[in-house]
Protein backbone atom coordinates (compact mmCIF):
# COMPACT_ATOMS: atom_id res chain seq x y z
CA MET A 1 -32.22 30.58 19.27
CA LYS A 2 -33.23 27.05 20.24
CA SER A 3 -32.78 24.49 17.49
CA ILE A 4 -35.80 22.79 15.93
CA GLN A 5 -35.91 19.24 17.34
CA ILE A 6 -36.27 16.47 14.77
CA ALA A 7 -37.14 12.78 15.24
CA LEU A 8 -36.48 10.31 12.43
CA VAL A 9 -38.67 7.19 12.20
CA ASP A 10 -37.52 4.78 9.49
CA ASP A 11 -36.50 1.12 9.53
CA HIS A 12 -33.49 1.54 7.21
CA ARG A 13 -30.44 2.46 9.29
CA LEU A 14 -28.32 3.48 6.32
CA PHE A 15 -31.00 5.88 5.11
CA ARG A 16 -31.39 7.29 8.63
CA SER A 17 -27.67 7.95 8.92
CA GLY A 18 -27.73 9.87 5.64
CA ILE A 19 -30.65 12.02 6.78
CA VAL A 20 -28.98 12.67 10.14
CA SER A 21 -25.84 13.87 8.36
CA LEU A 22 -27.95 16.11 6.15
CA ILE A 23 -29.78 17.64 9.14
CA ASN A 24 -26.50 18.21 10.99
CA ASN A 25 -25.38 20.42 8.10
CA ILE A 26 -28.48 22.63 8.27
CA ASP A 27 -28.29 25.45 10.82
CA GLY A 28 -31.07 25.56 13.40
CA TYR A 29 -32.04 21.87 13.35
CA GLU A 30 -30.89 18.88 15.36
CA VAL A 31 -31.90 15.23 15.66
CA LEU A 32 -33.54 14.47 19.00
CA PHE A 33 -33.88 10.71 18.49
CA GLU A 34 -34.19 7.94 15.90
CA ALA A 35 -36.58 4.99 15.79
CA GLY A 36 -36.92 1.96 13.54
CA ASP A 37 -40.73 1.81 13.64
CA GLY A 38 -43.77 3.32 15.31
CA GLU A 39 -43.61 1.25 18.47
CA GLU A 40 -40.02 2.33 19.13
CA MET A 41 -41.10 5.93 18.49
CA ILE A 42 -43.86 5.58 21.09
CA ARG A 43 -41.42 4.17 23.64
CA LYS A 44 -39.02 7.10 23.15
CA ILE A 45 -41.39 10.04 22.88
CA SER A 46 -42.64 11.83 26.00
CA SER A 47 -43.54 15.30 27.25
CA LYS A 48 -39.84 15.75 28.13
CA LEU A 49 -38.53 14.22 24.90
CA LYS A 50 -40.90 15.67 22.33
CA PRO A 51 -39.70 16.66 18.83
CA ASP A 52 -41.07 19.60 16.89
CA ILE A 53 -41.05 17.62 13.65
CA ILE A 54 -41.13 13.89 12.93
CA LEU A 55 -39.74 12.59 9.65
CA LEU A 56 -41.84 9.50 9.06
CA ASP A 57 -41.49 6.56 6.69
CA ILE A 58 -44.66 4.66 5.72
CA GLN A 59 -43.50 1.11 5.02
CA MET A 60 -42.07 -0.19 8.29
CA PRO A 61 -42.41 -3.50 10.17
CA ILE A 62 -44.29 -3.88 13.46
CA MET A 63 -46.02 -0.47 13.37
CA ASP A 64 -46.03 1.37 10.04
CA GLY A 65 -46.22 5.05 9.20
CA THR A 66 -49.99 5.14 8.85
CA LEU A 67 -50.56 3.77 12.34
CA SER A 68 -47.78 5.99 13.70
CA ALA A 69 -49.41 9.09 12.21
CA LEU A 70 -52.77 8.04 13.63
CA TRP A 71 -51.22 7.64 17.10
CA LEU A 72 -49.50 11.03 16.84
CA LYS A 73 -52.74 12.67 15.74
CA ASP A 74 -54.49 11.31 18.85
CA ASN A 75 -51.66 11.87 21.36
CA TYR A 76 -49.39 14.68 20.09
CA PRO A 77 -51.32 16.63 17.42
CA GLU A 78 -48.94 19.58 17.85
CA ILE A 79 -46.01 17.57 16.43
CA ARG A 80 -45.65 18.24 12.72
CA ILE A 81 -45.16 15.26 10.42
CA ILE A 82 -43.16 15.17 7.22
CA VAL A 83 -43.54 11.91 5.33
CA LEU A 84 -40.39 10.53 3.67
CA SER A 85 -41.39 7.64 1.44
CA MET A 86 -40.98 5.96 -1.94
CA LEU A 87 -44.77 5.66 -2.26
CA GLU A 88 -46.54 8.13 -4.51
CA ASP A 89 -49.91 6.48 -5.21
CA ALA A 90 -52.93 8.68 -4.62
CA GLU A 91 -54.54 6.66 -1.84
CA THR A 92 -51.38 6.47 0.27
CA VAL A 93 -50.54 10.15 -0.14
CA LEU A 94 -54.07 11.39 0.54
CA SER A 95 -54.40 9.06 3.53
CA MET A 96 -51.26 10.52 5.15
CA LEU A 97 -52.40 14.08 4.49
CA LYS A 98 -55.77 13.24 6.07
CA LEU A 99 -53.89 12.02 9.14
CA GLY A 100 -52.26 15.42 9.46
CA ALA A 101 -48.95 15.22 7.57
CA LYS A 102 -47.71 18.76 6.90
CA GLY A 103 -45.17 17.64 4.33
CA TYR A 104 -44.72 14.76 1.90
CA MET A 105 -41.45 13.99 0.16
CA LEU A 106 -40.09 11.15 -1.92
CA LYS A 107 -36.86 9.62 -0.65
CA ASP A 108 -35.04 10.48 -3.87
CA SER A 109 -35.76 14.22 -3.49
CA GLU A 110 -32.90 16.68 -3.78
CA PRO A 111 -31.24 17.97 -0.56
CA HIS A 112 -32.36 21.54 -1.26
CA GLU A 113 -36.00 20.32 -1.42
CA PHE A 114 -35.54 18.60 1.94
CA LYS A 115 -34.16 21.79 3.46
CA LEU A 116 -37.07 23.81 2.05
CA ALA A 117 -39.56 21.31 3.48
CA LEU A 118 -38.01 21.63 6.95
CA GLN A 119 -38.05 25.42 6.75
CA LYS A 120 -41.68 25.61 5.67
CA VAL A 121 -43.07 23.04 8.08
CA SER A 122 -41.09 24.39 11.04
CA THR A 123 -42.67 27.84 10.48
CA GLY A 124 -46.23 26.49 10.36
CA GLU A 125 -46.56 26.13 6.59
CA VAL A 126 -46.98 22.95 4.55
CA TYR A 127 -44.70 21.46 1.92
CA TYR A 128 -46.24 19.39 -0.85
CA PRO A 129 -44.31 18.83 -4.09
CA GLU A 130 -46.04 19.17 -7.45
CA PHE A 131 -47.21 15.56 -7.70
CA VAL A 132 -48.96 15.79 -4.31
CA THR A 133 -50.70 19.03 -5.30
CA ARG A 134 -51.84 17.33 -8.51
CA LEU A 135 -53.25 14.38 -6.53
CA LEU A 136 -55.10 16.75 -4.22
CA ILE A 137 -56.70 18.54 -7.17
CA ASN A 138 -57.67 15.24 -8.84
CA SER A 139 -59.19 13.92 -5.61
CA PHE A 140 -61.80 16.68 -5.69
CA ASN A 141 -62.85 15.70 -9.19
CA GLU A 142 -62.96 11.91 -8.88
CA PRO A 143 -65.87 9.93 -7.46
CA LYS A 144 -65.12 7.79 -4.43
CA GLY A 145 -64.36 4.32 -5.72
CA HIS A 146 -63.13 0.99 -4.43
CA ILE A 147 -61.17 1.08 -1.18
CA ASN A 148 -57.72 -0.38 -1.67
CA LEU A 149 -56.64 -2.44 1.34
CA GLN A 150 -53.02 -3.37 2.04
CA GLY A 151 -51.80 -6.84 3.01
CA ARG A 152 -51.66 -6.26 6.77
CA GLU A 153 -55.04 -4.51 6.70
CA LEU A 154 -56.61 -7.54 5.01
CA GLU A 155 -54.89 -9.84 7.47
CA PHE A 156 -56.32 -7.84 10.38
CA ILE A 157 -59.84 -7.81 8.90
CA LYS A 158 -59.83 -11.59 8.44
CA LEU A 159 -58.68 -12.11 12.02
CA ALA A 160 -61.10 -9.50 13.36
CA THR A 161 -64.04 -11.33 11.75
CA SER A 162 -63.13 -14.46 13.70
CA GLU A 163 -63.82 -15.16 17.38
CA LEU A 164 -60.31 -14.12 18.41
CA THR A 165 -59.93 -11.35 20.97
CA TYR A 166 -57.84 -8.30 20.03
CA LYS A 167 -55.10 -9.61 22.32
CA GLU A 168 -55.10 -12.94 20.46
CA ILE A 169 -55.05 -11.08 17.12
CA ALA A 170 -51.97 -9.20 18.30
CA THR A 171 -50.27 -12.52 19.05
CA GLN A 172 -51.23 -13.92 15.64
CA MET A 173 -49.88 -10.85 13.85
CA ALA A 174 -46.76 -10.71 16.06
CA VAL A 175 -47.42 -7.08 17.05
CA SER A 176 -48.39 -5.28 20.25
CA ILE A 177 -51.99 -4.77 21.34
CA ARG A 178 -51.41 -1.03 20.79
CA THR A 179 -50.61 -1.68 17.13
CA VAL A 180 -53.73 -3.82 16.74
CA ASP A 181 -55.76 -0.96 18.25
CA GLY A 182 -54.18 1.27 15.62
CA TYR A 183 -55.19 -1.07 12.79
CA ARG A 184 -58.74 -1.20 14.15
CA ASP A 185 -59.13 2.58 14.49
CA HIS A 186 -57.53 3.24 11.09
CA LEU A 187 -59.74 0.71 9.31
CA PHE A 188 -62.89 1.94 11.03
CA GLU A 189 -62.12 5.41 9.65
CA LYS A 190 -60.93 4.20 6.23
CA ILE A 191 -63.90 1.92 5.61
CA GLY A 192 -66.45 4.11 7.36
CA VAL A 193 -67.69 1.74 10.08
CA LYS A 194 -68.02 2.23 13.83
CA SER A 195 -67.76 -1.28 15.27
CA ARG A 196 -66.34 -4.75 14.81
CA ILE A 197 -69.74 -5.86 13.54
CA GLY A 198 -69.54 -3.20 10.84
CA LEU A 199 -66.13 -4.57 9.89
CA VAL A 200 -67.61 -8.08 9.57
CA LEU A 201 -70.47 -6.83 7.39
CA TYR A 202 -68.01 -4.95 5.17
CA ALA A 203 -65.83 -8.06 4.83
CA ILE A 204 -68.83 -10.20 3.82
CA LYS A 205 -70.20 -7.62 1.38
CA ASN A 206 -66.81 -7.23 -0.33
CA LYS A 207 -66.09 -10.99 -0.29
CA ILE A 208 -63.01 -10.66 1.91
CA ILE A 209 -64.42 -13.57 3.90
CA GLU A 210 -67.03 -16.18 3.07
CA LEU A 211 -69.67 -17.58 5.41
């Protein structure tokens, strides 16, 4: 039988090497490629070099896991995502699940849990540990409150409410125009607006900027 093809997207090389060794000891799985962030992943992935599963970190430079998942959802929705992260706050976890992650694991999980996650996700199931299931249940019972914005998201909003073009914003943030497009699309969905004007109005209303 053909091995399940895995791609590993994480900016920590030492962590990646440990995961690669772990995968190499599990029958039926092999690492197709590694990437240090979302932009490198985009450069490597293609119809001829397409993994079945992507193991995705969230906190990465240049293009993080959220934007990477958003890009995968739009371009390769058939690729299954397993998040490997140290983050376990409700907003982060639920955001990644909304973007289509089929598995969510903390980086300090046991090897047997990792193997189980691969087995489940590769056969079309999902793998969410107990704390994720608990967050999912709580999310149905809690009213929608304040939207928590991360540092780079706030930086993008402030630049987007200026007269800068998206290309100029990309230069200011030292990222590609593709990554800026990802920030824009993600924030439109997260905040619930449909245009740059809506983003400006949100920023004014929530005192992110002042007139």
